[in-house]
Structure formats: structure tokens, C-alpha cells
Amino acid sequence: MSMISSQQAELKSEIAAMPSWLRRPIGKASEISTVQRIIKQRQIHTICEEGRCPNRGECYAQKTATFLLMGPTCTRSCAFCQVDKGHAPMPLDLEEPQKVAQAVQLLGLRYVVLTSVARDDLPDQGAGHFVETIATIRQLNPETQIEVLTPDFWGGAGVGESGQRQRIAMIVKAKPACFNHNIETVRRLTGPVRRGAKYDRSLLVLAMVKEIDSTIPTKSGLMLGHGETLDEVVEAMADLRAVGCDRLTIGQYMRPSLEHLPVQKYWTPEEFDQLGRLAWEMGFNHVRSGPLVRSSYHAGEEGVGNEE
């Protein structure tokens, strides 16, 4: 058997082994195609499409979408992520803030999440681009709420923590509806799963937001299935609460391709329910815990209860 045939067989085997609770309809084709057409015409990107999110049809129907700023190529090489990696990302599109704002207007979006690839090649890591996009969206869509899901903004020779704080402060001063930064996994697994990131550095992002403006809700996400234990997940949740994190999403990692890390465990819906209850008890005020939950799932809601 050739290497390609062997890889295809392995991938088919993995798909066949996927639990039934991870299989769901993608959503209304008309709603998905409308969003795809508008973003393609403007040469902008959404993590919904780049990351092949299983919930994108549902979110589009609820007038929510997550835009991926600063191009489709990330300067980090996280071993779980679908987004393209490379050391030579595209130059910034200076018209992107206007393009995104127009797309928000055309789609009638009520809640927008702005995320980005990591741009370690830029002097401010892209913080200014976030701020400009927020301002431009508000000019055209004053009623639309804007959440940010940012990288850690760590980088640059001799910059370190002070530079990180300056970049975070730029975005906090723009008053997003929520400031999200994902720790993604437990402390022990951060190295192999999030190459280029550090567990405590990510906690520091969330702590800094609260230090700069305690009124801004903060949020983070965990992605299970890399071999973490229940105790490690609970410890990570406690670490997030210790830096004042308000909101939490917990979902299942699903391997995008054979080039990515294999799934070590499929956590059951019951286990996600248990973690969701624990999160509420620990003091998070907005919790989404379920196999198909992603960072921006039901992002525009302040409701209660878990989603599976």
C-alpha cells in the first residue's frame, strides 16, 4: 500500500471511530452560502470557514460571525489548529477594517467576534489593527456588539511583559463587549499543543485586562482530547478564576488532518455536563460546555445553562 493510500485509510478509520454525538448537520446551505459569498467578494476571512467550524451554520442564522483578521497565515505553529502556518504572512490589508465593517452591515450581524492569526512579524503584533477594525465597525454598525479573541501579543526583541501590556491596553481602551484569550489546554500539555505559547503568559493576558479595566468581561476556552486528566482540567479552570476570568467555553478537539495531533480521548456529553456544572460552582458567570462547543459558540448570549 502506498503512503498516500495508507494515510487515507487511517483518516477514514478515524472518521468512522468518531462518536455519534460529534456528528451533526452543518446548517442551512443558503445561510452558509450567503456569508461565504460576501466574505469572498471582499477578500476577507472568517475563522468559521478557515477553521471549518461545525457550528457555523447555526451562528450565521443567529446573526453572529467570527472574522479572522490580518490574513489566513499564522506565524505560530500550534499542533491542533486548522489555520495555515508560515513565517512570511501577507502584508496587512489596510482596507480590511472597512471591508469587515461593510460585511457586518450587509449581513446584519448583531454580535461580531474579531480574532486573528498571530502576527509576531508586526511591531505591535497587530493590536492597532484590532482597534481600527473595532472603530470602523462601530461607525457603520453602532448597535453591533464586538468581542475580541486575541493572541497573547508577546513578541519583539526586548519588549516582553511591558510591551504585551501596552498592546492589550490599546484594545481594552476600545471597550470590547468581551475580551477572550484561550488557554486551550492544561499546563502540562501547553508545550506540545500550543507551540510558541506559554500557559502562564496566557493567564497573564486575562489578568492584565482586569487590571487595566475591571469592567470588561474576560473569557477563555479549553479544548479537551489531548490526554489531559479531569483533575488537570479542574486545575486549569481554577487558574482562570484566580485571574478573574468571567466566562468559559469547553469543547472537544477534533483532528483536522493527519498532520495534526491525534485525538487521545473523546470526552462524553455527560463528562462535559459535569465540567459545566463545576464551572458554574467555581464562579464563572457564563459557561458553554459540550463536545461541539467552540470559542465563539453562542458568544452573543448572556444566558444560563450548558450547551451540548
Protein backbone atom coordinates (compact mmCIF):
# COMPACT_ATOMS: atom_id res chain seq x y z
CA MET A 1 0.00 0.00 0.00
CA SER A 2 1.37 3.46 -0.88
CA MET A 3 1.94 6.11 1.80
CA ILE A 4 -0.95 8.21 0.47
CA SER A 5 -3.31 5.22 0.45
CA SER A 6 -2.20 4.32 3.98
CA GLN A 7 -2.88 7.90 5.20
CA GLN A 8 -6.29 7.93 3.53
CA ALA A 9 -7.15 4.63 5.18
CA GLU A 10 -6.02 5.97 8.57
CA LEU A 11 -8.13 9.12 8.19
CA LYS A 12 -11.20 7.10 7.15
CA SER A 13 -10.69 4.88 10.17
CA GLU A 14 -10.53 7.90 12.48
CA ILE A 15 -13.69 9.37 10.99
CA ALA A 16 -15.50 6.05 11.36
CA ALA A 17 -14.45 5.89 15.02
CA MET A 18 -15.82 9.35 15.79
CA PRO A 19 -18.65 9.15 18.36
CA SER A 20 -22.22 9.79 17.24
CA TRP A 21 -22.51 12.93 19.38
CA LEU A 22 -19.89 14.66 17.23
CA ARG A 23 -21.89 14.19 14.04
CA ARG A 24 -24.35 16.95 13.24
CA PRO A 25 -25.87 18.67 10.20
CA ILE A 26 -23.81 21.63 9.03
CA GLY A 27 -26.78 24.02 8.87
CA LYS A 28 -28.83 25.68 6.15
CA ALA A 29 -26.87 25.80 2.92
CA SER A 30 -28.50 29.11 1.93
CA GLU A 31 -27.30 30.88 5.08
CA ILE A 32 -23.79 29.49 4.75
CA SER A 33 -23.51 30.34 1.05
CA THR A 34 -24.67 33.94 1.64
CA VAL A 35 -21.91 34.53 4.18
CA GLN A 36 -19.32 32.75 2.04
CA ARG A 37 -20.23 34.87 -0.99
CA ILE A 38 -19.98 38.17 0.88
CA ILE A 39 -16.64 37.40 2.57
CA LYS A 40 -15.16 36.01 -0.66
CA GLN A 41 -16.19 39.10 -2.64
CA ARG A 42 -14.37 41.30 -0.11
CA GLN A 43 -11.35 39.01 0.21
CA ILE A 44 -11.74 38.78 3.97
CA HIS A 45 -11.57 35.73 6.20
CA THR A 46 -13.62 34.15 8.99
CA ILE A 47 -12.39 31.55 11.43
CA CYS A 48 -15.79 29.94 10.86
CA GLU A 49 -14.61 28.97 7.36
CA GLU A 50 -10.82 28.76 7.82
CA GLY A 51 -11.27 26.54 10.87
CA ARG A 52 -14.21 24.60 9.35
CA CYS A 53 -16.25 25.14 12.49
CA PRO A 54 -19.10 22.64 12.89
CA ASN A 55 -21.40 25.36 14.29
CA ARG A 56 -21.05 27.97 11.57
CA GLY A 57 -24.50 27.47 10.05
CA GLU A 58 -26.12 27.88 13.47
CA CYS A 59 -24.10 31.01 14.28
CA TYR A 60 -24.84 32.59 10.89
CA ALA A 61 -28.55 32.00 11.48
CA GLN A 62 -28.22 33.80 14.84
CA LYS A 63 -26.54 36.79 13.14
CA THR A 64 -23.14 36.05 14.67
CA ALA A 65 -19.81 35.51 12.92
CA THR A 66 -16.11 35.48 13.79
CA PHE A 67 -13.78 37.41 11.48
CA LEU A 68 -10.15 36.36 11.11
CA LEU A 69 -8.03 39.49 10.80
CA MET A 70 -4.60 40.05 9.25
CA GLY A 71 -4.64 37.26 6.70
CA PRO A 72 -5.01 33.46 6.77
CA THR A 73 -1.37 32.66 7.65
CA CYS A 74 -0.25 32.39 11.29
CA THR A 75 3.34 32.90 12.48
CA ARG A 76 2.84 30.30 15.23
CA SER A 77 2.62 26.55 14.60
CA CYS A 78 0.13 25.16 17.12
CA ALA A 79 -0.24 21.42 16.58
CA PHE A 80 -4.05 21.39 16.77
CA CYS A 81 -5.06 24.33 14.59
CA GLN A 82 -6.54 24.24 11.08
CA VAL A 83 -5.27 27.72 10.14
CA ASP A 84 -2.30 27.84 7.74
CA LYS A 85 1.17 28.38 9.24
CA GLY A 86 4.15 30.25 7.82
CA HIS A 87 6.93 32.70 8.60
CA ALA A 88 6.04 35.01 5.70
CA PRO A 89 2.42 36.09 6.23
CA MET A 90 0.70 38.52 3.89
CA PRO A 91 1.24 42.28 4.32
CA LEU A 92 -1.59 43.91 6.27
CA ASP A 93 -4.59 44.83 4.13
CA LEU A 94 -5.16 48.44 5.17
CA GLU A 95 -8.67 48.26 3.73
CA GLU A 96 -9.61 45.22 5.84
CA PRO A 97 -11.30 47.21 8.66
CA GLN A 98 -13.62 48.85 6.10
CA LYS A 99 -14.26 45.54 4.32
CA VAL A 100 -15.17 43.81 7.59
CA ALA A 101 -17.42 46.70 8.65
CA GLN A 102 -19.26 46.56 5.32
CA ALA A 103 -19.67 42.79 5.61
CA VAL A 104 -21.13 43.21 9.12
CA GLN A 105 -23.59 45.75 7.72
CA LEU A 106 -24.59 43.61 4.73
CA LEU A 107 -25.10 40.52 6.87
CA GLY A 108 -26.99 42.45 9.55
CA LEU A 109 -24.80 40.96 12.27
CA ARG A 110 -25.80 41.77 15.84
CA TYR A 111 -22.72 40.32 17.50
CA VAL A 112 -19.25 40.09 15.98
CA VAL A 113 -16.15 38.33 17.22
CA LEU A 114 -12.82 39.64 15.93
CA THR A 115 -9.93 37.19 16.11
CA SER A 116 -6.63 36.99 14.29
CA VAL A 117 -3.70 34.86 13.41
CA ALA A 118 -0.59 35.53 15.50
CA ARG A 119 1.47 38.24 13.78
CA ASP A 120 4.83 38.12 15.52
CA ASP A 121 6.25 39.87 12.46
CA LEU A 122 4.46 43.16 13.24
CA PRO A 123 5.84 45.75 15.69
CA ASP A 124 2.60 45.86 17.71
CA GLN A 125 1.63 42.22 16.96
CA GLY A 126 -1.48 43.58 15.24
CA ALA A 127 -3.08 45.29 18.26
CA GLY A 128 -3.57 48.53 16.33
CA HIS A 129 -5.34 46.67 13.54
CA PHE A 130 -7.82 45.26 16.08
CA VAL A 131 -8.50 48.78 17.39
CA GLU A 132 -9.01 50.24 13.92
CA THR A 133 -11.36 47.43 12.93
CA ILE A 134 -13.43 47.91 16.09
CA ALA A 135 -13.75 51.64 15.40
CA THR A 136 -14.68 51.15 11.75
CA ILE A 137 -17.33 48.53 12.53
CA ARG A 138 -18.90 50.90 15.07
CA GLN A 139 -19.04 53.74 12.55
CA LEU A 140 -21.22 51.67 10.20
CA ASN A 141 -22.91 49.44 12.81
CA PRO A 142 -23.34 51.36 16.07
CA GLU A 143 -25.70 48.74 17.54
CA THR A 144 -23.41 45.76 16.88
CA GLN A 145 -21.55 44.37 19.88
CA ILE A 146 -17.91 43.40 19.35
CA GLU A 147 -15.98 40.69 21.19
CA VAL A 148 -12.26 40.16 20.66
CA LEU A 149 -10.43 36.82 20.71
CA THR A 150 -6.77 37.77 20.69
CA PRO A 151 -3.33 36.16 20.58
CA ASP A 152 -1.05 36.77 23.56
CA PHE A 153 0.69 39.83 21.99
CA TRP A 154 4.05 38.64 23.27
CA GLY A 155 7.00 39.19 20.98
CA GLY A 156 9.66 41.52 19.71
CA ALA A 157 13.25 41.89 20.87
CA GLY A 158 13.49 43.37 24.35
CA VAL A 159 9.77 44.07 24.61
CA GLY A 160 8.50 41.36 26.95
CA GLU A 161 5.76 41.96 29.50
CA SER A 162 5.69 45.77 29.26
CA GLY A 163 5.11 45.62 25.51
CA GLN A 164 2.46 42.96 26.00
CA ARG A 165 0.63 45.21 28.48
CA GLN A 166 0.76 48.19 26.11
CA ARG A 167 -0.79 46.17 23.27
CA ILE A 168 -3.51 44.73 25.48
CA ALA A 169 -4.26 48.19 26.89
CA MET A 170 -4.82 49.53 23.36
CA ILE A 171 -7.62 47.02 22.82
CA VAL A 172 -9.10 47.31 26.32
CA LYS A 173 -9.42 51.09 25.84
CA ALA A 174 -11.54 50.39 22.74
CA LYS A 175 -14.11 48.85 25.14
CA PRO A 176 -14.94 45.49 23.52
CA ALA A 177 -18.04 43.70 24.79
CA CYS A 178 -15.77 40.85 25.91
CA PHE A 179 -12.03 40.14 25.86
CA ASN A 180 -11.34 36.49 25.05
CA HIS A 181 -7.97 34.74 25.11
CA ASN A 182 -7.87 30.94 25.07
CA ILE A 183 -5.50 28.90 27.19
CA GLU A 184 -6.68 25.94 25.02
CA THR A 185 -5.22 23.15 27.16
CA VAL A 186 -3.88 22.28 30.60
CA ARG A 187 -0.49 23.38 31.91
CA ARG A 188 1.29 20.03 31.29
CA LEU A 189 0.26 19.87 27.63
CA THR A 190 0.79 23.51 26.63
CA GLY A 191 4.24 22.83 25.13
CA PRO A 192 3.29 20.13 22.62
CA VAL A 193 -0.19 21.52 21.86
CA ARG A 194 0.46 25.29 21.71
CA ARG A 195 3.92 25.70 20.23
CA GLY A 196 5.19 29.21 20.83
CA ALA A 197 2.73 29.88 23.66
CA LYS A 198 3.12 29.60 27.43
CA TYR A 199 0.43 28.75 29.96
CA ASP A 200 1.28 31.48 32.49
CA ARG A 201 1.71 34.05 29.72
CA SER A 202 -1.85 33.38 28.60
CA LEU A 203 -3.15 33.70 32.15
CA LEU A 204 -1.27 37.00 32.33
CA VAL A 205 -3.21 38.32 29.32
CA LEU A 206 -6.51 37.81 31.16
CA ALA A 207 -5.09 39.23 34.40
CA MET A 208 -3.84 42.35 32.60
CA VAL A 209 -7.25 43.02 31.08
CA LYS A 210 -8.84 43.07 34.54
CA GLU A 211 -6.02 45.23 35.95
CA ILE A 212 -6.50 47.80 33.19
CA ASP A 213 -10.32 47.81 33.25
CA SER A 214 -12.14 45.51 35.66
CA THR A 215 -15.49 46.21 33.95
CA ILE A 216 -14.50 44.36 30.74
CA PRO A 217 -15.75 40.74 30.85
CA THR A 218 -12.97 38.22 30.19
CA LYS A 219 -13.31 34.79 28.66
CA SER A 220 -11.19 31.75 27.87
CA GLY A 221 -11.58 28.31 26.34
CA LEU A 222 -10.36 24.75 26.85
CA MET A 223 -10.19 22.13 24.13
CA LEU A 224 -10.26 18.58 25.51
CA GLY A 225 -8.94 15.40 23.98
CA HIS A 226 -5.15 15.77 24.14
CA GLY A 227 -4.66 13.40 27.08
CA GLU A 228 -5.50 15.73 29.96
CA THR A 229 -6.99 14.34 33.18
CA LEU A 230 -10.13 15.56 34.94
CA ASP A 231 -8.01 16.93 37.80
CA GLU A 232 -5.86 18.88 35.32
CA VAL A 233 -8.93 20.40 33.67
CA VAL A 234 -10.33 21.46 37.04
CA GLU A 235 -6.94 22.94 37.94
CA ALA A 236 -6.94 24.96 34.70
CA MET A 237 -10.43 26.22 35.46
CA ALA A 238 -9.28 27.27 38.94
CA ASP A 239 -6.27 29.06 37.43
CA LEU A 240 -8.64 31.01 35.15
CA ARG A 241 -10.87 32.02 38.06
CA ALA A 242 -7.78 33.11 40.01
CA VAL A 243 -7.09 35.80 37.37
CA GLY A 244 -10.73 36.90 37.36
CA CYS A 245 -11.85 35.15 34.17
CA ASP A 246 -15.64 35.52 33.91
CA ARG A 247 -16.65 33.23 31.05
CA LEU A 248 -15.60 29.77 29.90
CA THR A 249 -16.05 27.52 26.88
CA ILE A 250 -15.12 23.83 26.93
CA GLY A 251 -15.19 21.72 23.77
CA GLN A 252 -13.79 18.59 22.14
CA TYR A 253 -10.68 18.65 19.98
CA MET A 254 -11.26 17.06 16.58
CA ARG A 255 -8.20 16.32 14.45
CA PRO A 256 -8.30 18.43 11.26
CA SER A 257 -5.86 16.19 9.35
CA LEU A 258 -3.19 13.55 9.85
CA GLU A 259 -0.61 16.34 10.10
CA HIS A 260 -2.21 17.46 13.36
CA LEU A 261 -2.09 15.86 16.80
CA PRO A 262 -4.19 12.70 17.13
CA VAL A 263 -7.19 12.66 19.47
CA GLN A 264 -6.30 10.89 22.71
CA LYS A 265 -9.84 10.76 24.08
CA TYR A 266 -13.38 11.67 23.12
CA TRP A 267 -14.98 13.13 26.24
CA THR A 268 -18.66 12.21 26.57
CA PRO A 269 -21.57 14.67 26.75
CA GLU A 270 -22.06 13.61 30.36
CA GLU A 271 -18.48 14.49 31.21
CA PHE A 272 -18.92 17.91 29.57
CA ASP A 273 -22.09 18.42 31.62
CA GLN A 274 -20.13 17.59 34.78
CA LEU A 275 -17.42 20.11 33.88
CA GLY A 276 -20.04 22.72 33.07
CA ARG A 277 -21.65 22.30 36.49
CA LEU A 278 -18.24 22.56 38.15
CA ALA A 279 -17.52 25.76 36.22
CA TRP A 280 -20.73 27.37 37.44
CA GLU A 281 -19.91 26.31 41.01
CA MET A 282 -16.44 27.84 40.69
CA GLY A 283 -17.96 31.21 39.86
CA PHE A 284 -17.87 31.58 36.07
CA ASN A 285 -20.91 33.65 35.08
CA HIS A 286 -21.26 32.33 31.51
CA VAL A 287 -20.45 28.71 30.67
CA ARG A 288 -20.71 26.69 27.47
CA SER A 289 -19.53 23.09 27.86
CA GLY A 290 -20.18 20.43 25.21
CA PRO A 291 -18.43 18.34 22.56
CA LEU A 292 -19.13 20.76 19.70
CA VAL A 293 -18.67 23.98 21.68
CA ARG A 294 -16.08 26.37 20.23
CA SER A 295 -14.70 29.72 21.47
CA SER A 296 -17.39 31.84 19.84
CA TYR A 297 -20.31 29.43 20.31
CA HIS A 298 -23.37 31.44 21.44
CA ALA A 299 -20.95 34.31 22.04
CA GLY A 300 -23.71 36.91 21.95
CA GLU A 301 -25.70 35.33 24.76
CA GLU A 302 -25.59 36.09 28.45
CA GLY A 303 -27.95 33.20 29.19
CA VAL A 304 -27.59 30.36 31.65
CA GLY A 305 -27.15 26.64 31.27
CA ASN A 306 -24.89 24.41 29.21
CA GLU A 307 -24.99 23.64 25.53
CA GLU A 308 -24.15 20.22 24.18
